[in-house]
Structures are given as structure tokens and as C-alpha cells.
Amino acid sequence: MIIISIIIIVIIIIIIIIIIIIIIIIIIIIIIIIIIIIIIIIIISIIIIIIIIIMIIIIIIIIIIIIIIIIIIIIIIITIIINL
């Protein structure tokens, strides 16, 4: 039972690491997109740039919160299954 628990915990850690790597990649891509958008939009207006950056940051925060909630739920479910 202990071995199964350790294996499941390792799997969870691997999943979390993969998710974190994906989040980092997404953030890097978003930052690159933001930079490109900023270069184009500076010509149009500084106000539009500020609004877009704030919206993207909010979206990133929401995505990260959702991913963290999903990870917590998965860990709770696996813990319940282990304890059964």
C-alpha cells in the first residue's frame, strides 16, 4: 500500500511539473505575443496597450488559479482513493 501511495505521489508530482512547464511555456508565448502587440499598438495608442496588458495578466491569473484548483482536486481525489 505504501509503495502504491509513493508511486501515485510521484505521478502527481510529475503531472504538476509538466503543468508548471506548460504554464511557463504559455506565459512565454503570451509575453512574446504581448511584445509584438505592443510594437504594433504603440503607433495607435498607449491607452490600448495598457488595457490589453491588464486583460492578458487577468487571463493568465485566472488560468493559473483554475489549474491550481484542478491539481488540488486531483490530489484530494487520489488521496481519498488511496485511503479507501
N, C-alpha and C. Protein backbone atom coordinates (compact mmCIF):
# COMPACT_ATOMS: atom_id res chain seq x y z
N MET A 1 0.82 -1.20 0.00
CA MET A 1 0.00 0.00 0.00
C MET A 1 0.86 1.27 0.00
N ILE A 2 1.96 1.20 0.79
CA ILE A 2 2.87 2.34 0.86
C ILE A 2 3.52 2.57 -0.50
N ILE A 3 3.91 1.48 -1.16
CA ILE A 3 4.55 1.59 -2.48
C ILE A 3 3.59 2.24 -3.48
N ILE A 4 2.32 1.80 -3.45
CA ILE A 4 1.29 2.37 -4.35
C ILE A 4 1.13 3.86 -4.06
N SER A 5 1.09 4.21 -2.78
CA SER A 5 0.96 5.62 -2.39
C SER A 5 2.14 6.43 -2.91
N ILE A 6 3.35 5.90 -2.77
CA ILE A 6 4.56 6.59 -3.24
C ILE A 6 4.51 6.77 -4.76
N ILE A 7 4.12 5.71 -5.47
CA ILE A 7 4.02 5.77 -6.93
C ILE A 7 3.01 6.85 -7.34
N ILE A 8 1.85 6.86 -6.68
CA ILE A 8 0.82 7.85 -7.01
C ILE A 8 1.33 9.27 -6.72
N ILE A 9 2.01 9.44 -5.60
CA ILE A 9 2.55 10.76 -5.25
C ILE A 9 3.58 11.20 -6.29
N VAL A 10 4.45 10.28 -6.73
CA VAL A 10 5.44 10.59 -7.77
C VAL A 10 4.74 11.00 -9.06
N ILE A 11 3.70 10.24 -9.43
CA ILE A 11 2.93 10.57 -10.64
C ILE A 11 2.32 11.96 -10.52
N ILE A 12 1.75 12.26 -9.35
CA ILE A 12 1.15 13.59 -9.12
C ILE A 12 2.21 14.67 -9.27
N ILE A 13 3.38 14.45 -8.68
CA ILE A 13 4.48 15.43 -8.76
C ILE A 13 4.90 15.64 -10.22
N ILE A 14 5.01 14.54 -10.96
CA ILE A 14 5.37 14.64 -12.39
C ILE A 14 4.32 15.44 -13.15
N ILE A 15 3.04 15.14 -12.88
CA ILE A 15 1.94 15.87 -13.54
C ILE A 15 2.03 17.36 -13.22
N ILE A 16 2.27 17.67 -11.94
CA ILE A 16 2.36 19.07 -11.52
C ILE A 16 3.53 19.75 -12.23
N ILE A 17 4.68 19.06 -12.32
CA ILE A 17 5.85 19.63 -13.00
C ILE A 17 5.53 19.89 -14.47
N ILE A 18 4.88 18.92 -15.11
CA ILE A 18 4.50 19.09 -16.53
C ILE A 18 3.57 20.28 -16.68
N ILE A 19 2.58 20.39 -15.80
CA ILE A 19 1.63 21.51 -15.86
C ILE A 19 2.36 22.83 -15.67
N ILE A 20 3.30 22.87 -14.72
CA ILE A 20 4.07 24.10 -14.47
C ILE A 20 4.88 24.47 -15.72
N ILE A 21 5.51 23.47 -16.35
CA ILE A 21 6.28 23.72 -17.57
C ILE A 21 5.37 24.27 -18.66
N ILE A 22 4.18 23.66 -18.80
CA ILE A 22 3.21 24.13 -19.80
C ILE A 22 2.80 25.57 -19.51
N ILE A 23 2.54 25.86 -18.23
CA ILE A 23 2.17 27.23 -17.84
C ILE A 23 3.29 28.21 -18.21
N ILE A 24 4.53 27.83 -17.91
CA ILE A 24 5.68 28.69 -18.21
C ILE A 24 5.76 28.93 -19.72
N ILE A 25 5.59 27.86 -20.51
CA ILE A 25 5.64 27.99 -21.98
C ILE A 25 4.53 28.91 -22.45
N ILE A 26 3.32 28.71 -21.91
CA ILE A 26 2.17 29.56 -22.28
C ILE A 26 2.47 31.02 -21.94
N ILE A 27 3.01 31.25 -20.74
CA ILE A 27 3.33 32.62 -20.31
C ILE A 27 4.38 33.23 -21.23
N ILE A 28 5.40 32.45 -21.60
CA ILE A 28 6.43 32.95 -22.51
C ILE A 28 5.81 33.32 -23.86
N ILE A 29 4.96 32.43 -24.37
CA ILE A 29 4.28 32.70 -25.65
C ILE A 29 3.44 33.97 -25.53
N ILE A 30 2.68 34.08 -24.43
CA ILE A 30 1.83 35.25 -24.23
C ILE A 30 2.69 36.52 -24.15
N ILE A 31 3.83 36.43 -23.45
CA ILE A 31 4.73 37.58 -23.34
C ILE A 31 5.25 37.99 -24.72
N ILE A 32 5.61 36.99 -25.54
CA ILE A 32 6.07 37.28 -26.91
C ILE A 32 4.96 37.96 -27.70
N ILE A 33 3.73 37.41 -27.57
CA ILE A 33 2.58 37.99 -28.26
C ILE A 33 2.35 39.43 -27.77
N ILE A 34 2.46 39.62 -26.45
CA ILE A 34 2.29 40.96 -25.87
C ILE A 34 3.30 41.93 -26.48
N ILE A 35 4.56 41.48 -26.58
CA ILE A 35 5.62 42.34 -27.13
C ILE A 35 5.29 42.73 -28.57
N ILE A 36 4.86 41.74 -29.36
CA ILE A 36 4.50 42.02 -30.76
C ILE A 36 3.33 42.99 -30.82
N ILE A 37 2.30 42.71 -30.00
CA ILE A 37 1.12 43.57 -29.95
C ILE A 37 1.52 44.99 -29.54
N ILE A 38 2.40 45.09 -28.54
CA ILE A 38 2.84 46.40 -28.05
C ILE A 38 3.53 47.17 -29.18
N ILE A 39 4.41 46.51 -29.91
CA ILE A 39 5.14 47.17 -31.01
C ILE A 39 4.15 47.73 -32.04
N ILE A 40 3.11 46.94 -32.35
CA ILE A 40 2.12 47.38 -33.34
C ILE A 40 1.24 48.50 -32.77
N ILE A 41 0.82 48.31 -31.53
CA ILE A 41 -0.20 49.21 -30.96
C ILE A 41 0.38 50.54 -30.48
N ILE A 42 1.67 50.59 -30.16
CA ILE A 42 2.29 51.86 -29.76
C ILE A 42 1.96 52.94 -30.79
N ILE A 43 1.95 52.57 -32.04
CA ILE A 43 1.63 53.51 -33.11
C ILE A 43 0.20 54.03 -32.92
N ILE A 44 -0.71 53.16 -32.51
CA ILE A 44 -2.13 53.54 -32.38
C ILE A 44 -2.36 54.31 -31.07
N SER A 45 -2.03 53.65 -29.91
CA SER A 45 -2.33 54.36 -28.66
C SER A 45 -1.76 53.65 -27.44
N ILE A 46 -1.25 54.42 -26.49
CA ILE A 46 -0.69 53.89 -25.25
C ILE A 46 -1.80 53.33 -24.37
N ILE A 47 -2.94 53.94 -24.38
CA ILE A 47 -4.08 53.50 -23.56
C ILE A 47 -4.50 52.09 -23.94
N ILE A 48 -4.58 51.80 -25.23
CA ILE A 48 -4.96 50.47 -25.70
C ILE A 48 -3.95 49.44 -25.21
N ILE A 49 -2.67 49.77 -25.23
CA ILE A 49 -1.62 48.85 -24.75
C ILE A 49 -1.87 48.49 -23.29
N ILE A 50 -2.11 49.49 -22.47
CA ILE A 50 -2.33 49.27 -21.03
C ILE A 50 -3.53 48.34 -20.82
N ILE A 51 -4.62 48.60 -21.50
CA ILE A 51 -5.83 47.78 -21.37
C ILE A 51 -5.54 46.32 -21.76
N ILE A 52 -4.84 46.10 -22.86
CA ILE A 52 -4.54 44.74 -23.34
C ILE A 52 -3.65 44.01 -22.32
N ILE A 53 -2.62 44.68 -21.83
CA ILE A 53 -1.72 44.04 -20.86
C ILE A 53 -2.50 43.63 -19.61
N ILE A 54 -3.34 44.52 -19.10
CA ILE A 54 -4.14 44.21 -17.90
C ILE A 54 -5.04 43.00 -18.17
N MET A 55 -5.69 42.97 -19.33
CA MET A 55 -6.58 41.84 -19.67
C MET A 55 -5.80 40.53 -19.75
N ILE A 56 -4.63 40.56 -20.38
CA ILE A 56 -3.82 39.34 -20.52
C ILE A 56 -3.35 38.85 -19.15
N ILE A 57 -2.91 39.79 -18.31
CA ILE A 57 -2.48 39.41 -16.95
C ILE A 57 -3.63 38.77 -16.19
N ILE A 58 -4.83 39.35 -16.29
CA ILE A 58 -6.02 38.79 -15.62
C ILE A 58 -6.29 37.38 -16.15
N ILE A 59 -6.22 37.20 -17.46
CA ILE A 59 -6.45 35.88 -18.06
C ILE A 59 -5.41 34.87 -17.56
N ILE A 60 -4.14 35.26 -17.51
CA ILE A 60 -3.08 34.37 -17.03
C ILE A 60 -3.35 33.98 -15.58
N ILE A 61 -3.72 34.97 -14.76
CA ILE A 61 -4.01 34.70 -13.34
C ILE A 61 -5.18 33.72 -13.22
N ILE A 62 -6.25 33.95 -13.99
CA ILE A 62 -7.42 33.06 -13.97
C ILE A 62 -7.02 31.65 -14.38
N ILE A 63 -6.23 31.52 -15.46
CA ILE A 63 -5.78 30.20 -15.94
C ILE A 63 -4.97 29.49 -14.86
N ILE A 64 -4.04 30.21 -14.23
CA ILE A 64 -3.21 29.61 -13.18
C ILE A 64 -4.07 29.17 -12.00
N ILE A 65 -5.04 30.02 -11.59
CA ILE A 65 -5.93 29.67 -10.47
C ILE A 65 -6.72 28.40 -10.81
N ILE A 66 -7.27 28.34 -12.03
CA ILE A 66 -8.04 27.16 -12.46
C ILE A 66 -7.16 25.91 -12.43
N ILE A 67 -5.93 26.00 -12.94
CA ILE A 67 -5.01 24.85 -12.97
C ILE A 67 -4.68 24.41 -11.54
N ILE A 68 -4.44 25.37 -10.65
CA ILE A 68 -4.13 25.04 -9.25
C ILE A 68 -5.32 24.33 -8.60
N ILE A 69 -6.54 24.83 -8.84
CA ILE A 69 -7.75 24.20 -8.30
C ILE A 69 -7.88 22.77 -8.82
N ILE A 70 -7.65 22.58 -10.12
CA ILE A 70 -7.73 21.23 -10.72
C ILE A 70 -6.71 20.30 -10.07
N ILE A 71 -5.48 20.78 -9.89
CA ILE A 71 -4.43 19.97 -9.26
C ILE A 71 -4.85 19.57 -7.85
N ILE A 72 -5.36 20.53 -7.09
CA ILE A 72 -5.80 20.26 -5.71
C ILE A 72 -6.91 19.22 -5.70
N ILE A 73 -7.89 19.36 -6.60
CA ILE A 73 -8.99 18.39 -6.69
C ILE A 73 -8.45 17.00 -7.02
N ILE A 74 -7.51 16.92 -7.98
CA ILE A 74 -6.92 15.63 -8.37
C ILE A 74 -6.21 15.00 -7.16
N ILE A 75 -5.44 15.80 -6.44
CA ILE A 75 -4.71 15.29 -5.27
C ILE A 75 -5.70 14.79 -4.21
N ILE A 76 -6.77 15.55 -3.97
CA ILE A 76 -7.78 15.14 -2.99
C ILE A 76 -8.44 13.82 -3.40
N ILE A 77 -8.82 13.73 -4.68
CA ILE A 77 -9.47 12.51 -5.19
C ILE A 77 -8.53 11.31 -5.04
N ILE A 78 -7.27 11.48 -5.44
CA ILE A 78 -6.29 10.39 -5.35
C ILE A 78 -6.06 9.99 -3.89
N THR A 79 -5.99 10.98 -3.02
CA THR A 79 -5.82 10.70 -1.58
C THR A 79 -7.01 9.91 -1.04
N ILE A 80 -8.21 10.31 -1.43
CA ILE A 80 -9.42 9.59 -0.99
C ILE A 80 -9.38 8.15 -1.51
N ILE A 81 -9.00 7.97 -2.78
CA ILE A 81 -8.93 6.63 -3.38
C ILE A 81 -7.89 5.78 -2.64
N ILE A 82 -6.74 6.39 -2.32
CA ILE A 82 -5.67 5.67 -1.60
C ILE A 82 -6.19 5.23 -0.23
N ASN A 83 -6.88 6.12 0.44
CA ASN A 83 -7.37 5.83 1.80
C ASN A 83 -8.50 4.81 1.82
N LEU A 84 -9.15 4.59 0.68
CA LEU A 84 -10.19 3.55 0.61
C LEU A 84 -9.50 2.20 0.54
